[in-house]
């Protein structure tokens, strides 16, 4: 089972991953680890970031993204880093582990807070 402590081991990246739906978006080893280990894979989350949040990122240079999962449902929110919510999306079903999973999107790179 994925835990928040598992993600704290990532403090940088040696390998960059390019998203297939939006070639401008890169993501780090920590984000790749999350996508592989969260339930049956959370690549759906990366798809949402690549197709919806990258559009918002064109206007906002920094996004703090939270994936909050509870009772088999999830909410994705993005703010400007100063708690001004710019985006919200409800997910009706997920097997993502419960909790609040945080990410940053900066300079077309999705990364974990510990990798920032």
C-alpha atoms as a PDB file:
ATOM      1  CA  UNK A   1       0.000   0.000   0.000  1.00  0.00           C
ATOM      2  CA  UNK A   2       1.327   3.408  -1.009  1.00  0.00           C
ATOM      3  CA  UNK A   3       1.999   5.844   1.835  1.00  0.00           C
ATOM      4  CA  UNK A   4       3.004   9.470   1.990  1.00  0.00           C
ATOM      5  CA  UNK A   5       6.340   8.369   3.470  1.00  0.00           C
ATOM      6  CA  UNK A   6       7.030   6.385   0.278  1.00  0.00           C
ATOM      7  CA  UNK A   7       6.959   9.630  -1.692  1.00  0.00           C
ATOM      8  CA  UNK A   8       9.274  11.536   0.671  1.00  0.00           C
ATOM      9  CA  UNK A   9      12.220   9.446  -0.544  1.00  0.00           C
ATOM     10  CA  UNK A  10      12.133  11.398  -3.810  1.00  0.00           C
ATOM     11  CA  UNK A  11      14.151  14.605  -3.579  1.00  0.00           C
ATOM     12  CA  UNK A  12      15.126  15.102  -7.195  1.00  0.00           C
ATOM     13  CA  UNK A  13      15.039  13.194 -10.443  1.00  0.00           C
ATOM     14  CA  UNK A  14      17.575  11.671 -12.799  1.00  0.00           C
ATOM     15  CA  UNK A  15      14.967  10.513 -15.293  1.00  0.00           C
ATOM     16  CA  UNK A  16      12.322  12.681 -16.898  1.00  0.00           C
ATOM     17  CA  UNK A  17       9.174  11.145 -18.344  1.00  0.00           C
ATOM     18  CA  UNK A  18       7.300  12.787 -21.213  1.00  0.00           C
ATOM     19  CA  UNK A  19       3.521  12.420 -21.277  1.00  0.00           C
ATOM     20  CA  UNK A  20       2.164  10.854 -24.466  1.00  0.00           C
ATOM     21  CA  UNK A  21      -1.008  13.011 -24.622  1.00  0.00           C
ATOM     22  CA  UNK A  22       0.831  16.294 -24.180  1.00  0.00           C
ATOM     23  CA  UNK A  23       4.467  16.124 -25.231  1.00  0.00           C
ATOM     24  CA  UNK A  24       5.176  19.456 -23.496  1.00  0.00           C
ATOM     25  CA  UNK A  25       4.498  17.900 -20.085  1.00  0.00           C
ATOM     26  CA  UNK A  26       7.326  16.203 -18.246  1.00  0.00           C
ATOM     27  CA  UNK A  27       7.099  14.401 -14.916  1.00  0.00           C
ATOM     28  CA  UNK A  28       9.603  13.117 -12.419  1.00  0.00           C
ATOM     29  CA  UNK A  29      10.556   9.710 -11.025  1.00  0.00           C
ATOM     30  CA  UNK A  30       8.511  10.435  -7.900  1.00  0.00           C
ATOM     31  CA  UNK A  31       5.372  11.126  -9.944  1.00  0.00           C
ATOM     32  CA  UNK A  32       6.050   7.985 -12.003  1.00  0.00           C
ATOM     33  CA  UNK A  33       6.343   5.983  -8.766  1.00  0.00           C
ATOM     34  CA  UNK A  34       3.027   7.406  -7.549  1.00  0.00           C
ATOM     35  CA  UNK A  35       1.299   6.582 -10.847  1.00  0.00           C
ATOM     36  CA  UNK A  36       2.545   2.990 -10.712  1.00  0.00           C
ATOM     37  CA  UNK A  37       1.768   2.334  -7.038  1.00  0.00           C
ATOM     38  CA  UNK A  38      -1.538   4.176  -6.476  1.00  0.00           C
ATOM     39  CA  UNK A  39      -4.206   1.494  -6.749  1.00  0.00           C
ATOM     40  CA  UNK A  40      -4.196  -0.183 -10.141  1.00  0.00           C
ATOM     41  CA  UNK A  41      -2.235   2.715 -11.503  1.00  0.00           C
ATOM     42  CA  UNK A  42      -2.991   6.397 -11.433  1.00  0.00           C
ATOM     43  CA  UNK A  43      -1.993   7.185 -14.969  1.00  0.00           C
ATOM     44  CA  UNK A  44      -5.540   8.542 -15.356  1.00  0.00           C
ATOM     45  CA  UNK A  45      -4.464  11.340 -12.992  1.00  0.00           C
ATOM     46  CA  UNK A  46      -1.483  12.158 -15.230  1.00  0.00           C
ATOM     47  CA  UNK A  47      -3.837  12.199 -18.235  1.00  0.00           C
ATOM     48  CA  UNK A  48      -6.047  14.791 -16.515  1.00  0.00           C
ATOM     49  CA  UNK A  49      -3.029  16.940 -15.683  1.00  0.00           C
ATOM     50  CA  UNK A  50      -1.738  16.662 -19.261  1.00  0.00           C
ATOM     51  CA  UNK A  51      -5.042  17.461 -20.959  1.00  0.00           C
ATOM     52  CA  UNK A  52      -6.799  19.839 -18.562  1.00  0.00           C
ATOM     53  CA  UNK A  53      -4.336  21.383 -16.120  1.00  0.00           C
ATOM     54  CA  UNK A  54      -1.614  22.030 -18.689  1.00  0.00           C
ATOM     55  CA  UNK A  55      -4.113  24.338 -20.421  1.00  0.00           C
ATOM     56  CA  UNK A  56      -4.509  26.286 -17.170  1.00  0.00           C
ATOM     57  CA  UNK A  57      -0.744  26.222 -16.675  1.00  0.00           C
ATOM     58  CA  UNK A  58      -0.342  28.322 -19.826  1.00  0.00           C
ATOM     59  CA  UNK A  59      -1.812  31.222 -17.848  1.00  0.00           C
ATOM     60  CA  UNK A  60      -0.592  30.296 -14.363  1.00  0.00           C
ATOM     61  CA  UNK A  61       3.165  29.735 -13.985  1.00  0.00           C
ATOM     62  CA  UNK A  62       2.765  27.596 -10.849  1.00  0.00           C
ATOM     63  CA  UNK A  63       0.009  25.209  -9.806  1.00  0.00           C
ATOM     64  CA  UNK A  64      -0.302  23.334  -6.523  1.00  0.00           C
ATOM     65  CA  UNK A  65      -2.394  20.249  -7.273  1.00  0.00           C
ATOM     66  CA  UNK A  66      -4.114  18.043  -4.703  1.00  0.00           C
ATOM     67  CA  UNK A  67      -5.647  14.657  -5.374  1.00  0.00           C
ATOM     68  CA  UNK A  68      -7.859  13.933  -2.345  1.00  0.00           C
ATOM     69  CA  UNK A  69      -9.170  10.372  -2.237  1.00  0.00           C
ATOM     70  CA  UNK A  70     -11.743   8.983   0.186  1.00  0.00           C
ATOM     71  CA  UNK A  71     -14.390   6.243   0.091  1.00  0.00           C
ATOM     72  CA  UNK A  72     -13.586   5.275  -3.504  1.00  0.00           C
ATOM     73  CA  UNK A  73     -14.052   8.824  -4.814  1.00  0.00           C
ATOM     74  CA  UNK A  74     -11.611  11.625  -5.434  1.00  0.00           C
ATOM     75  CA  UNK A  75     -11.394  15.357  -5.954  1.00  0.00           C
ATOM     76  CA  UNK A  76      -8.647  17.055  -7.902  1.00  0.00           C
ATOM     77  CA  UNK A  77      -8.047  20.705  -7.085  1.00  0.00           C
ATOM     78  CA  UNK A  78      -5.434  23.126  -8.320  1.00  0.00           C
ATOM     79  CA  UNK A  79      -4.549  26.462  -6.809  1.00  0.00           C
ATOM     80  CA  UNK A  80      -1.978  29.147  -7.494  1.00  0.00           C
ATOM     81  CA  UNK A  81       0.144  28.235  -4.471  1.00  0.00           C
ATOM     82  CA  UNK A  82      -1.585  30.928  -2.403  1.00  0.00           C
ATOM     83  CA  UNK A  83      -4.815  28.958  -1.816  1.00  0.00           C
ATOM     84  CA  UNK A  84      -6.686  30.640  -4.684  1.00  0.00           C
ATOM     85  CA  UNK A  85      -8.514  27.642  -6.188  1.00  0.00           C
ATOM     86  CA  UNK A  86      -8.442  27.712  -9.987  1.00  0.00           C
ATOM     87  CA  UNK A  87      -9.689  24.218 -10.851  1.00  0.00           C
ATOM     88  CA  UNK A  88     -11.782  21.458  -9.291  1.00  0.00           C
ATOM     89  CA  UNK A  89     -12.820  18.105 -10.717  1.00  0.00           C
ATOM     90  CA  UNK A  90     -14.764  15.313  -9.023  1.00  0.00           C
ATOM     91  CA  UNK A  91     -13.868  11.695  -9.804  1.00  0.00           C
ATOM     92  CA  UNK A  92     -16.760   9.281  -9.208  1.00  0.00           C
ATOM     93  CA  UNK A  93     -14.609   6.162  -8.742  1.00  0.00           C
ATOM     94  CA  UNK A  94     -10.989   5.498  -7.899  1.00  0.00           C
ATOM     95  CA  UNK A  95      -8.969   2.826  -6.156  1.00  0.00           C
ATOM     96  CA  UNK A  96      -6.301   5.387  -5.322  1.00  0.00           C
ATOM     97  CA  UNK A  97      -5.252   5.024  -1.664  1.00  0.00           C
ATOM     98  CA  UNK A  98      -7.097   7.360   0.663  1.00  0.00           C
ATOM     99  CA  UNK A  99      -5.401  10.590   1.570  1.00  0.00           C
ATOM    100  CA  UNK A 100      -4.317  13.908   0.149  1.00  0.00           C
ATOM    101  CA  UNK A 101      -1.641  13.538  -2.497  1.00  0.00           C
ATOM    102  CA  UNK A 102       0.129  16.764  -3.409  1.00  0.00           C
ATOM    103  CA  UNK A 103       1.927  17.743  -6.594  1.00  0.00           C
ATOM    104  CA  UNK A 104       3.345  20.872  -8.193  1.00  0.00           C
ATOM    105  CA  UNK A 105       3.203  21.882 -11.833  1.00  0.00           C
ATOM    106  CA  UNK A 106       5.926  24.352 -12.729  1.00  0.00           C
ATOM    107  CA  UNK A 107       7.664  25.054 -16.041  1.00  0.00           C
ATOM    108  CA  UNK A 108       5.690  22.198 -17.679  1.00  0.00           C
ATOM    109  CA  UNK A 109       6.999  19.689 -15.115  1.00  0.00           C
ATOM    110  CA  UNK A 110       4.782  17.754 -12.705  1.00  0.00           C
ATOM    111  CA  UNK A 111       6.665  16.923  -9.531  1.00  0.00           C
ATOM    112  CA  UNK A 112       6.246  16.006  -5.896  1.00  0.00           C
ATOM    113  CA  UNK A 113       6.688  18.765  -3.291  1.00  0.00           C
ATOM    114  CA  UNK A 114       9.826  16.982  -2.023  1.00  0.00           C
ATOM    115  CA  UNK A 115      11.287  17.212  -5.537  1.00  0.00           C
ATOM    116  CA  UNK A 116      10.669  20.958  -5.890  1.00  0.00           C
END
